[in-house]
Amino acid sequence: MGGYLYILILSAAIVFSCISYFINVRLVSPRKSQRILAKFLLFIAVNCIAVITIRFFFEEYVFTYLGLPFGFFYAPYLYCCFTAFIQEHKDKIGQNSNKSVGLRNAYIHFIPGIVYSIGYAIALFNMYVLDVEFLVNYSSFAPIYFHVVA
C-alpha cells in the first residue's frame, strides 16, 4: 500500500508541475524569471518521472534510487530565478545595473549537481562491481564540498 501511495503522490506532483508550467508559459508575461521558473517546473516533472520509474522498475537496486543527484539542481534553479526577479525589479524602478543574470553567471552553482550526475552515470554503468568504499566516498563528497565552499 505504501508504494502505491508514493506513486500516487509523485504522479500528483507531475500533474501539478505540468499544469503550472503551461499556466506559466501561456498566461504569464514572458519575463526572464518566468522562463527560468518554467524550466524549473519541467525539471520537477522530470525528477518525479525518474523517481517513479526507478522505484517501480529497479526497486531491488538501492543505489539507483538513493544516489540520484537531482537534489543538487533545485537550489541553483531557484537562485537563478530569484536573481532574475530582483534584476527585473531593479530595472522596473530605475536602478539599472549591467549585471547579467540567469544561467550564464550562475554556472558555478550547478557544478556539484554536474559532478554528482557524472559520478552517478559512471556508477550505474558499473553497478555490479561497486564496492562499499565507492559508495562511502560518493555519499560523503557533498558534506565535504559544502563545508569547504561555505
Foldseek 3Di string as FASTA:
>chain_A
DVLVVLLVVLVVLLVVLVVVLCCLVPPPDDAPLSVLVSVLSVLSNVVSVLLNVCCVPVVVQPCSNVLQLSVLVNVLSVVQSVVSVVQVVCVVVPNHDPDDTHCVVSVVSCVVSVVSVVVSVVCVVVVVPDDPVSVVCSVPPVVVVVVVVD
